PDB file of N, CA and C in Angstrom:
ATOM      1  N   MET A   1     120.820  70.071  94.321  1.00  0.00           N
ATOM      2  CA  MET A   1     119.486  69.553  94.111  1.00  0.00           C
ATOM      3  C   MET A   1     119.081  69.756  92.662  1.00  0.00           C
ATOM      4  N   LYS A   2     118.329  68.789  92.153  1.00  0.00           N
ATOM      5  CA  LYS A   2     117.854  68.859  90.782  1.00  0.00           C
ATOM      6  C   LYS A   2     116.380  68.483  90.766  1.00  0.00           C
ATOM      7  N   SER A   3     115.570  69.277  90.089  1.00  0.00           N
ATOM      8  CA  SER A   3     114.145  68.951  89.990  1.00  0.00           C
ATOM      9  C   SER A   3     113.943  67.866  88.944  1.00  0.00           C
ATOM     10  N   GLN A   4     112.843  67.169  89.084  1.00  0.00           N
ATOM     11  CA  GLN A   4     112.453  66.148  88.127  1.00  0.00           C
ATOM     12  C   GLN A   4     110.981  66.343  87.802  1.00  0.00           C
ATOM     13  N   ASN A   5     110.539  65.779  86.684  1.00  0.00           N
ATOM     14  CA  ASN A   5     109.149  65.890  86.289  1.00  0.00           C
ATOM     15  C   ASN A   5     108.464  64.548  86.490  1.00  0.00           C
ATOM     16  N   PHE A   6     107.354  64.554  87.212  1.00  0.00           N
ATOM     17  CA  PHE A   6     106.619  63.336  87.546  1.00  0.00           C
ATOM     18  C   PHE A   6     106.110  62.603  86.304  1.00  0.00           C
ATOM     19  N   PHE A   7     105.857  63.328  85.220  1.00  0.00           N
ATOM     20  CA  PHE A   7     105.277  62.740  84.021  1.00  0.00           C
ATOM     21  C   PHE A   7     106.324  62.378  82.959  1.00  0.00           C
ATOM     22  N   SER A   8     107.598  62.588  83.237  1.00  0.00           N
ATOM     23  CA  SER A   8     108.621  62.212  82.261  1.00  0.00           C
ATOM     24  C   SER A   8     109.117  60.796  82.539  1.00  0.00           C
ATOM     25  N   GLY A   9     109.703  60.203  81.524  1.00  0.00           N
ATOM     26  CA  GLY A   9     110.268  58.869  81.690  1.00  0.00           C
ATOM     27  C   GLY A   9     109.250  57.757  81.815  1.00  0.00           C
ATOM     28  N   ILE A  10     108.063  57.962  81.268  1.00  0.00           N
ATOM     29  CA  ILE A  10     107.031  56.924  81.319  1.00  0.00           C
ATOM     30  C   ILE A  10     107.380  55.848  80.292  1.00  0.00           C
ATOM     31  N   PRO A  11     107.451  54.591  80.711  1.00  0.00           N
ATOM     32  CA  PRO A  11     107.788  53.529  79.755  1.00  0.00           C
ATOM     33  C   PRO A  11     106.774  53.462  78.614  1.00  0.00           C
ATOM     34  N   LEU A  12     107.276  53.249  77.397  1.00  0.00           N
ATOM     35  CA  LEU A  12     106.386  53.164  76.230  1.00  0.00           C
ATOM     36  C   LEU A  12     105.567  51.881  76.226  1.00  0.00           C
ATOM     37  N   ASP A  13     106.165  50.796  76.700  1.00  0.00           N
ATOM     38  CA  ASP A  13     105.467  49.512  76.731  1.00  0.00           C
ATOM     39  C   ASP A  13     105.540  48.955  78.155  1.00  0.00           C
ATOM     40  N   LEU A  14     104.412  48.898  78.814  1.00  0.00           N
ATOM     41  CA  LEU A  14     104.388  48.395  80.185  1.00  0.00           C
ATOM     42  C   LEU A  14     104.354  46.878  80.254  1.00  0.00           C
ATOM     43  N   GLY A  15     104.003  46.239  79.165  1.00  0.00           N
ATOM     44  CA  GLY A  15     103.886  44.788  79.191  1.00  0.00           C
ATOM     45  C   GLY A  15     102.698  44.366  80.024  1.00  0.00           C
ATOM     46  N   LYS A  16     102.844  43.273  80.757  1.00  0.00           N
ATOM     47  CA  LYS A  16     101.735  42.731  81.547  1.00  0.00           C
ATOM     48  C   LYS A  16     101.713  43.246  82.977  1.00  0.00           C
ATOM     49  N   GLU A  17     102.777  43.898  83.411  1.00  0.00           N
ATOM     50  CA  GLU A  17     102.890  44.323  84.805  1.00  0.00           C
ATOM     51  C   GLU A  17     102.814  45.837  84.942  1.00  0.00           C
ATOM     52  N   GLU A  18     102.281  46.273  86.072  1.00  0.00           N
ATOM     53  CA  GLU A  18     102.335  47.690  86.398  1.00  0.00           C
ATOM     54  C   GLU A  18     103.799  48.088  86.601  1.00  0.00           C
ATOM     55  N   PHE A  19     104.085  49.366  86.399  1.00  0.00           N
ATOM     56  CA  PHE A  19     105.432  49.912  86.590  1.00  0.00           C
ATOM     57  C   PHE A  19     105.466  50.623  87.939  1.00  0.00           C
ATOM     58  N   PHE A  20     106.362  50.205  88.823  1.00  0.00           N
ATOM     59  CA  PHE A  20     106.533  50.818  90.139  1.00  0.00           C
ATOM     60  C   PHE A  20     107.894  51.502  90.178  1.00  0.00           C
ATOM     61  N   GLU A  21     107.912  52.769  90.608  1.00  0.00           N
ATOM     62  CA  GLU A  21     109.170  53.501  90.736  1.00  0.00           C
ATOM     63  C   GLU A  21     109.239  54.135  92.120  1.00  0.00           C
ATOM     64  N   LEU A  22     110.221  53.740  92.882  1.00  0.00           N
ATOM     65  CA  LEU A  22     110.439  54.296  94.211  1.00  0.00           C
ATOM     66  C   LEU A  22     111.034  55.688  94.063  1.00  0.00           C
ATOM     67  N   LEU A  23     110.382  56.683  94.663  1.00  0.00           N
ATOM     68  CA  LEU A  23     110.845  58.065  94.575  1.00  0.00           C
ATOM     69  C   LEU A  23     111.573  58.504  95.840  1.00  0.00           C
ATOM     70  N   VAL A  24     111.012  58.151  96.995  1.00  0.00           N
ATOM     71  CA  VAL A  24     111.591  58.537  98.285  1.00  0.00           C
ATOM     72  C   VAL A  24     111.294  57.442  99.285  1.00  0.00           C
ATOM     73  N   LYS A  25     112.271  57.142 100.144  1.00  0.00           N
ATOM     74  CA  LYS A  25     112.028  56.162 101.199  1.00  0.00           C
ATOM     75  C   LYS A  25     112.928  56.467 102.385  1.00  0.00           C
ATOM     76  N   ASN A  26     112.309  56.398 103.579  1.00  0.00           N
ATOM     77  CA  ASN A  26     113.074  56.440 104.815  1.00  0.00           C
ATOM     78  C   ASN A  26     112.419  55.470 105.792  1.00  0.00           C
ATOM     79  N   ASP A  27     112.716  55.594 107.066  1.00  0.00           N
ATOM     80  CA  ASP A  27     112.186  54.646 108.047  1.00  0.00           C
ATOM     81  C   ASP A  27     110.678  54.743 108.241  1.00  0.00           C
ATOM     82  N   THR A  28     110.068  55.874 107.896  1.00  0.00           N
ATOM     83  CA  THR A  28     108.650  56.068 108.190  1.00  0.00           C
ATOM     84  C   THR A  28     107.754  56.246 106.970  1.00  0.00           C
ATOM     85  N   VAL A  29     108.327  56.607 105.836  1.00  0.00           N
ATOM     86  CA  VAL A  29     107.497  56.894 104.663  1.00  0.00           C
ATOM     87  C   VAL A  29     108.160  56.359 103.392  1.00  0.00           C
ATOM     88  N   MET A  30     107.310  55.944 102.450  1.00  0.00           N
ATOM     89  CA  MET A  30     107.774  55.550 101.125  1.00  0.00           C
ATOM     90  C   MET A  30     106.823  56.190 100.108  1.00  0.00           C
ATOM     91  N   ILE A  31     107.399  56.854  99.106  1.00  0.00           N
ATOM     92  CA  ILE A  31     106.611  57.497  98.060  1.00  0.00           C
ATOM     93  C   ILE A  31     107.005  56.862  96.738  1.00  0.00           C
ATOM     94  N   GLU A  32     105.976  56.456  95.972  1.00  0.00           N
ATOM     95  CA  GLU A  32     106.268  55.819  94.695  1.00  0.00           C
ATOM     96  C   GLU A  32     105.333  56.315  93.609  1.00  0.00           C
ATOM     97  N   ARG A  33     105.819  56.185  92.386  1.00  0.00           N
ATOM     98  CA  ARG A  33     105.023  56.440  91.187  1.00  0.00           C
ATOM     99  C   ARG A  33     104.666  55.079  90.617  1.00  0.00           C
ATOM    100  N   ILE A  34     103.395  54.912  90.295  1.00  0.00           N
ATOM    101  CA  ILE A  34     102.917  53.664  89.710  1.00  0.00           C
ATOM    102  C   ILE A  34     102.240  54.011  88.390  1.00  0.00           C
ATOM    103  N   ILE A  35     102.531  53.219  87.366  1.00  0.00           N
ATOM    104  CA  ILE A  35     101.926  53.452  86.063  1.00  0.00           C
ATOM    105  C   ILE A  35     101.249  52.166  85.613  1.00  0.00           C
ATOM    106  N   SER A  36      99.995  52.297  85.212  1.00  0.00           N
ATOM    107  CA  SER A  36      99.182  51.162  84.762  1.00  0.00           C
ATOM    108  C   SER A  36      98.575  51.492  83.409  1.00  0.00           C
ATOM    109  N   LYS A  37      98.325  50.466  82.627  1.00  0.00           N
ATOM    110  CA  LYS A  37      97.565  50.624  81.384  1.00  0.00           C
ATOM    111  C   LYS A  37      96.906  49.276  81.116  1.00  0.00           C
ATOM    112  N   SER A  38      95.720  49.136  81.597  1.00  0.00           N
ATOM    113  CA  SER A  38      94.887  47.933  81.540  1.00  0.00           C
ATOM    114  C   SER A  38      95.325  46.846  82.515  1.00  0.00           C
ATOM    115  N   GLN A  39      96.382  47.088  83.296  1.00  0.00           N
ATOM    116  CA  GLN A  39      96.780  46.095  84.288  1.00  0.00           C
ATOM    117  C   GLN A  39      95.811  46.096  85.457  1.00  0.00           C
ATOM    118  N   LYS A  40      95.659  44.929  86.047  1.00  0.00           N
ATOM    119  CA  LYS A  40      94.841  44.785  87.243  1.00  0.00           C
ATOM    120  C   LYS A  40      95.397  43.622  88.043  1.00  0.00           C
ATOM    121  N   SER A  41      94.994  43.555  89.306  1.00  0.00           N
ATOM    122  CA  SER A  41      95.420  42.461  90.173  1.00  0.00           C
ATOM    123  C   SER A  41      94.708  41.181  89.767  1.00  0.00           C
ATOM    124  N   GLN A  42      95.349  40.060  90.020  1.00  0.00           N
ATOM    125  CA  GLN A  42      94.684  38.774  89.832  1.00  0.00           C
ATOM    126  C   GLN A  42      93.517  38.688  90.815  1.00  0.00           C
ATOM    127  N   GLU A  43      92.475  37.967  90.453  1.00  0.00           N
ATOM    128  CA  GLU A  43      91.279  37.846  91.297  1.00  0.00           C
ATOM    129  C   GLU A  43      91.608  37.383  92.713  1.00  0.00           C
ATOM    130  N   SER A  44      92.616  36.555  92.858  1.00  0.00           N
ATOM    131  CA  SER A  44      92.945  35.992  94.173  1.00  0.00           C
ATOM    132  C   SER A  44      94.041  36.776  94.902  1.00  0.00           C
ATOM    133  N   ASP A  45      94.603  37.809  94.261  1.00  0.00           N
ATOM    134  CA  ASP A  45      95.693  38.585  94.874  1.00  0.00           C
ATOM    135  C   ASP A  45      95.146  39.817  95.579  1.00  0.00           C
ATOM    136  N   TRP A  46      95.527  39.977  96.829  1.00  0.00           N
ATOM    137  CA  TRP A  46      95.120  41.124  97.635  1.00  0.00           C
ATOM    138  C   TRP A  46      96.357  41.784  98.221  1.00  0.00           C
ATOM    139  N   TYR A  47      96.396  43.110  98.162  1.00  0.00           N
ATOM    140  CA  TYR A  47      97.422  43.845  98.902  1.00  0.00           C
ATOM    141  C   TYR A  47      96.989  43.848 100.362  1.00  0.00           C
ATOM    142  N   ASP A  48      97.901  43.468 101.241  1.00  0.00           N
ATOM    143  CA  ASP A  48      97.669  43.494 102.684  1.00  0.00           C
ATOM    144  C   ASP A  48      98.920  44.104 103.297  1.00  0.00           C
ATOM    145  N   GLN A  49      98.954  45.429 103.318  1.00  0.00           N
ATOM    146  CA  GLN A  49     100.174  46.154 103.630  1.00  0.00           C
ATOM    147  C   GLN A  49     100.332  46.474 105.105  1.00  0.00           C
ATOM    148  N   GLU A  50     101.572  46.514 105.530  1.00  0.00           N
ATOM    149  CA  GLU A  50     101.925  46.812 106.923  1.00  0.00           C
ATOM    150  C   GLU A  50     101.649  48.269 107.291  1.00  0.00           C
ATOM    151  N   LYS A  51     101.707  49.165 106.304  1.00  0.00           N
ATOM    152  CA  LYS A  51     101.537  50.596 106.553  1.00  0.00           C
ATOM    153  C   LYS A  51     100.275  51.113 105.870  1.00  0.00           C
ATOM    154  N   ASN A  52      99.818  52.277 106.310  1.00  0.00           N
ATOM    155  CA  ASN A  52      98.736  52.979 105.630  1.00  0.00           C
ATOM    156  C   ASN A  52      99.230  53.400 104.244  1.00  0.00           C
ATOM    157  N   GLU A  53      98.285  53.552 103.316  1.00  0.00           N
ATOM    158  CA  GLU A  53      98.637  54.013 101.972  1.00  0.00           C
ATOM    159  C   GLU A  53      97.656  55.096 101.535  1.00  0.00           C
ATOM    160  N   TRP A  54      98.208  56.245 101.209  1.00  0.00           N
ATOM    161  CA  TRP A  54      97.443  57.330 100.600  1.00  0.00           C
ATOM    162  C   TRP A  54      97.789  57.289  99.123  1.00  0.00           C
ATOM    163  N   VAL A  55      96.782  57.158  98.265  1.00  0.00           N
ATOM    164  CA  VAL A  55      97.041  57.026  96.835  1.00  0.00           C
ATOM    165  C   VAL A  55      96.145  57.982  96.053  1.00  0.00           C
ATOM    166  N   MET A  56      96.727  58.581  95.003  1.00  0.00           N
ATOM    167  CA  MET A  56      96.010  59.546  94.172  1.00  0.00           C
ATOM    168  C   MET A  56      96.234  59.194  92.706  1.00  0.00           C
ATOM    169  N   VAL A  57      95.188  59.314  91.901  1.00  0.00           N
ATOM    170  CA  VAL A  57      95.307  59.161  90.458  1.00  0.00           C
ATOM    171  C   VAL A  57      95.547  60.553  89.875  1.00  0.00           C
ATOM    172  N   LEU A  58      96.729  60.740  89.309  1.00  0.00           N
ATOM    173  CA  LEU A  58      97.066  62.026  88.705  1.00  0.00           C
ATOM    174  C   LEU A  58      96.641  62.098  87.247  1.00  0.00           C
ATOM    175  N   ARG A  59      96.608  60.931  86.605  1.00  0.00           N
ATOM    176  CA  ARG A  59      96.186  60.860  85.208  1.00  0.00           C
ATOM    177  C   ARG A  59      95.538  59.495  84.999  1.00  0.00           C
ATOM    178  N   GLY A  60      94.441  59.456  84.254  1.00  0.00           N
ATOM    179  CA  GLY A  60      93.789  58.195  83.943  1.00  0.00           C
ATOM    180  C   GLY A  60      92.620  57.883  84.858  1.00  0.00           C
ATOM    181  N   LYS A  61      92.281  56.587  84.916  1.00  0.00           N
ATOM    182  CA  LYS A  61      91.138  56.108  85.701  1.00  0.00           C
ATOM    183  C   LYS A  61      91.458  54.724  86.231  1.00  0.00           C
ATOM    184  N   ALA A  62      90.843  54.391  87.369  1.00  0.00           N
ATOM    185  CA  ALA A  62      91.059  53.069  87.957  1.00  0.00           C
ATOM    186  C   ALA A  62      89.902  52.723  88.879  1.00  0.00           C
ATOM    187  N   VAL A  63      89.800  51.439  89.196  1.00  0.00           N
ATOM    188  CA  VAL A  63      88.846  50.965  90.192  1.00  0.00           C
ATOM    189  C   VAL A  63      89.613  50.096  91.185  1.00  0.00           C
ATOM    190  N   LEU A  64      89.454  50.413  92.468  1.00  0.00           N
ATOM    191  CA  LEU A  64      90.003  49.589  93.542  1.00  0.00           C
ATOM    192  C   LEU A  64      88.878  48.791  94.165  1.00  0.00           C
ATOM    193  N   SER A  65      89.130  47.527  94.443  1.00  0.00           N
ATOM    194  CA  SER A  65      88.156  46.681  95.140  1.00  0.00           C
ATOM    195  C   SER A  65      88.729  46.296  96.491  1.00  0.00           C
ATOM    196  N   PHE A  66      87.827  46.146  97.453  1.00  0.00           N
ATOM    197  CA  PHE A  66      88.215  45.804  98.816  1.00  0.00           C
ATOM    198  C   PHE A  66      87.591  44.475  99.205  1.00  0.00           C
ATOM    199  N   ASP A  67      88.195  43.820 100.185  1.00  0.00           N
ATOM    200  CA  ASP A  67      87.729  42.475 100.556  1.00  0.00           C
ATOM    201  C   ASP A  67      86.355  42.479 101.222  1.00  0.00           C
ATOM    202  N   ASP A  68      85.808  43.655 101.540  1.00  0.00           N
ATOM    203  CA  ASP A  68      84.448  43.727 102.089  1.00  0.00           C
ATOM    204  C   ASP A  68      83.410  43.881 100.977  1.00  0.00           C
ATOM    205  N   GLN A  69      83.828  43.614  99.731  1.00  0.00           N
ATOM    206  CA  GLN A  69      82.965  43.644  98.545  1.00  0.00           C
ATOM    207  C   GLN A  69      82.641  45.056  98.052  1.00  0.00           C
ATOM    208  N   THR A  70      83.308  46.094  98.571  1.00  0.00           N
ATOM    209  CA  THR A  70      83.096  47.447  98.068  1.00  0.00           C
ATOM    210  C   THR A  70      84.148  47.768  97.004  1.00  0.00           C
ATOM    211  N   SER A  71      83.808  48.721  96.155  1.00  0.00           N
ATOM    212  CA  SER A  71      84.724  49.200  95.128  1.00  0.00           C
ATOM    213  C   SER A  71      84.689  50.718  95.096  1.00  0.00           C
ATOM    214  N   VAL A  72      85.801  51.307  94.681  1.00  0.00           N
ATOM    215  CA  VAL A  72      85.904  52.751  94.566  1.00  0.00           C
ATOM    216  C   VAL A  72      86.486  53.071  93.197  1.00  0.00           C
ATOM    217  N   GLN A  73      85.773  53.909  92.436  1.00  0.00           N
ATOM    218  CA  GLN A  73      86.305  54.374  91.161  1.00  0.00           C
ATOM    219  C   GLN A  73      87.101  55.640  91.416  1.00  0.00           C
ATOM    220  N   LEU A  74      88.295  55.696  90.838  1.00  0.00           N
ATOM    221  CA  LEU A  74      89.153  56.866  90.965  1.00  0.00           C
ATOM    222  C   LEU A  74      89.375  57.470  89.586  1.00  0.00           C
ATOM    223  N   ASN A  75      89.079  58.753  89.467  1.00  0.00           N
ATOM    224  CA  ASN A  75      89.328  59.509  88.248  1.00  0.00           C
ATOM    225  C   ASN A  75      90.469  60.477  88.520  1.00  0.00           C
ATOM    226  N   GLU A  76      90.905  61.204  87.507  1.00  0.00           N
ATOM    227  CA  GLU A  76      91.999  62.151  87.684  1.00  0.00           C
ATOM    228  C   GLU A  76      91.717  63.089  88.847  1.00  0.00           C
ATOM    229  N   GLY A  77      92.679  63.184  89.738  1.00  0.00           N
ATOM    230  CA  GLY A  77      92.567  64.059  90.898  1.00  0.00           C
ATOM    231  C   GLY A  77      91.962  63.407  92.122  1.00  0.00           C
ATOM    232  N   ASP A  78      91.380  62.231  91.979  1.00  0.00           N
ATOM    233  CA  ASP A  78      90.780  61.536  93.121  1.00  0.00           C
ATOM    234  C   ASP A  78      91.862  60.851  93.950  1.00  0.00           C
ATOM    235  N   PHE A  79      91.658  60.834  95.261  1.00  0.00           N
ATOM    236  CA  PHE A  79      92.583  60.134  96.144  1.00  0.00           C
ATOM    237  C   PHE A  79      91.816  59.403  97.224  1.00  0.00           C
ATOM    238  N   ILE A  80      92.503  58.451  97.846  1.00  0.00           N
ATOM    239  CA  ILE A  80      91.903  57.640  98.898  1.00  0.00           C
ATOM    240  C   ILE A  80      92.987  57.265  99.895  1.00  0.00           C
ATOM    241  N   ASN A  81      92.597  57.173 101.149  1.00  0.00           N
ATOM    242  CA  ASN A  81      93.507  56.715 102.197  1.00  0.00           C
ATOM    243  C   ASN A  81      93.096  55.297 102.584  1.00  0.00           C
ATOM    244  N   ILE A  82      94.029  54.367 102.462  1.00  0.00           N
ATOM    245  CA  ILE A  82      93.753  52.960 102.743  1.00  0.00           C
ATOM    246  C   ILE A  82      94.498  52.585 104.020  1.00  0.00           C
ATOM    247  N   SER A  83      93.761  52.165 105.025  1.00  0.00           N
ATOM    248  CA  SER A  83      94.365  51.796 106.308  1.00  0.00           C
ATOM    249  C   SER A  83      95.240  50.562 106.169  1.00  0.00           C
ATOM    250  N   ALA A  84      96.246  50.480 107.027  1.00  0.00           N
ATOM    251  CA  ALA A  84      97.103  49.296 107.057  1.00  0.00           C
ATOM    252  C   ALA A  84      96.251  48.044 107.212  1.00  0.00           C
ATOM    253  N   HIS A  85      96.608  47.002 106.519  1.00  0.00           N
ATOM    254  CA  HIS A  85      95.951  45.690 106.537  1.00  0.00           C
ATOM    255  C   HIS A  85      94.528  45.695 105.982  1.00  0.00           C
ATOM    256  N   LYS A  86      94.123  46.785 105.328  1.00  0.00           N
ATOM    257  CA  LYS A  86      92.840  46.798 104.616  1.00  0.00           C
ATOM    258  C   LYS A  86      93.101  46.144 103.258  1.00  0.00           C
ATOM    259  N   LYS A  87      92.627  44.921 103.103  1.00  0.00           N
ATOM    260  CA  LYS A  87      92.910  44.174 101.878  1.00  0.00           C
ATOM    261  C   LYS A  87      92.225  44.834 100.686  1.00  0.00           C
ATOM    262  N   HIS A  88      93.017  45.037  99.624  1.00  0.00           N
ATOM    263  CA  HIS A  88      92.502  45.686  98.429  1.00  0.00           C
ATOM    264  C   HIS A  88      93.256  45.178  97.208  1.00  0.00           C
ATOM    265  N   ARG A  89      92.673  45.446  96.050  1.00  0.00           N
ATOM    266  CA  ARG A  89      93.285  45.055  94.786  1.00  0.00           C
ATOM    267  C   ARG A  89      92.891  46.063  93.717  1.00  0.00           C
ATOM    268  N   VAL A  90      93.667  46.101  92.656  1.00  0.00           N
ATOM    269  CA  VAL A  90      93.334  46.934  91.501  1.00  0.00           C
ATOM    270  C   VAL A  90      92.418  46.095  90.617  1.00  0.00           C
ATOM    271  N   ALA A  91      91.166  46.508  90.516  1.00  0.00           N
ATOM    272  CA  ALA A  91      90.179  45.747  89.746  1.00  0.00           C
ATOM    273  C   ALA A  91      90.177  46.127  88.263  1.00  0.00           C
ATOM    274  N   TRP A  92      90.587  47.380  87.950  1.00  0.00           N
ATOM    275  CA  TRP A  92      90.538  47.848  86.567  1.00  0.00           C
ATOM    276  C   TRP A  92      91.384  49.100  86.440  1.00  0.00           C
ATOM    277  N   THR A  93      92.090  49.222  85.323  1.00  0.00           N
ATOM    278  CA  THR A  93      92.714  50.486  84.930  1.00  0.00           C
ATOM    279  C   THR A  93      92.416  50.709  83.447  1.00  0.00           C
ATOM    280  N   ASP A  94      92.408  51.949  83.071  1.00  0.00           N
ATOM    281  CA  ASP A  94      92.056  52.363  81.712  1.00  0.00           C
ATOM    282  C   ASP A  94      92.932  51.640  80.679  1.00  0.00           C
ATOM    283  N   PRO A  95      92.329  50.910  79.750  1.00  0.00           N
ATOM    284  CA  PRO A  95      93.117  50.205  78.735  1.00  0.00           C
ATOM    285  C   PRO A  95      93.609  51.108  77.600  1.00  0.00           C
ATOM    286  N   GLU A  96      93.035  52.294  77.476  1.00  0.00           N
ATOM    287  CA  GLU A  96      93.379  53.200  76.372  1.00  0.00           C
ATOM    288  C   GLU A  96      94.476  54.192  76.719  1.00  0.00           C
ATOM    289  N   ASN A  97      94.581  54.542  78.005  1.00  0.00           N
ATOM    290  CA  ASN A  97      95.533  55.566  78.448  1.00  0.00           C
ATOM    291  C   ASN A  97      96.217  55.115  79.727  1.00  0.00           C
ATOM    292  N   GLU A  98      97.417  55.643  79.949  1.00  0.00           N
ATOM    293  CA  GLU A  98      98.117  55.324  81.186  1.00  0.00           C
ATOM    294  C   GLU A  98      97.361  55.895  82.381  1.00  0.00           C
ATOM    295  N   THR A  99      97.350  55.132  83.442  1.00  0.00           N
ATOM    296  CA  THR A  99      96.889  55.624  84.735  1.00  0.00           C
ATOM    297  C   THR A  99      98.139  55.844  85.560  1.00  0.00           C
ATOM    298  N   ILE A 100      98.328  57.074  85.992  1.00  0.00           N
ATOM    299  CA  ILE A 100      99.530  57.436  86.742  1.00  0.00           C
ATOM    300  C   ILE A 100      99.118  57.744  88.169  1.00  0.00           C
ATOM    301  N   TRP A 101      99.690  56.968  89.100  1.00  0.00           N
ATOM    302  CA  TRP A 101      99.357  57.035  90.523  1.00  0.00           C
ATOM    303  C   TRP A 101     100.507  57.667  91.295  1.00  0.00           C
ATOM    304  N   LEU A 102     100.165  58.356  92.357  1.00  0.00           N
ATOM    305  CA  LEU A 102     101.130  58.778  93.373  1.00  0.00           C
ATOM    306  C   LEU A 102     100.714  58.050  94.649  1.00  0.00           C
ATOM    307  N   ALA A 103     101.622  57.239  95.177  1.00  0.00           N
ATOM    308  CA  ALA A 103     101.309  56.451  96.378  1.00  0.00           C
ATOM    309  C   ALA A 103     102.266  56.832  97.501  1.00  0.00           C
ATOM    310  N   VAL A 104     101.684  57.096  98.663  1.00  0.00           N
ATOM    311  CA  VAL A 104     102.473  57.420  99.850  1.00  0.00           C
ATOM    312  C   VAL A 104     102.148  56.377 100.914  1.00  0.00           C
ATOM    313  N   HIS A 105     103.135  55.604 101.290  1.00  0.00           N
ATOM    314  CA  HIS A 105     102.991  54.592 102.332  1.00  0.00           C
ATOM    315  C   HIS A 105     103.585  55.172 103.610  1.00  0.00           C
ATOM    316  N   TYR A 106     102.798  55.179 104.680  1.00  0.00           N
ATOM    317  CA  TYR A 106     103.263  55.802 105.927  1.00  0.00           C
ATOM    318  C   TYR A 106     102.815  55.023 107.154  1.00  0.00           C
TER     319      TYR A 106
END
């Protein structure tokens, strides 16, 4: 076994897309690292996932919007549990600093 650091290996240039890195996956759970820097979902794009998603902002800031017209601001250390098929999108991420997410799909 070898340990790894969650904050190492961050791409210097994310371009126009968020960076998704699969960390662990089996039949019941998927854990990923997501890195954003001013990226957001298109106005018409909604995540509609088969599984629940627990997501935490470890560094940075973001705003998630939901199809019921509500929004949630997430700062460092904030987390939220999103039920399966709860349509949501990334409305905003910090343009000055990386937003580093830990997402657990279960």
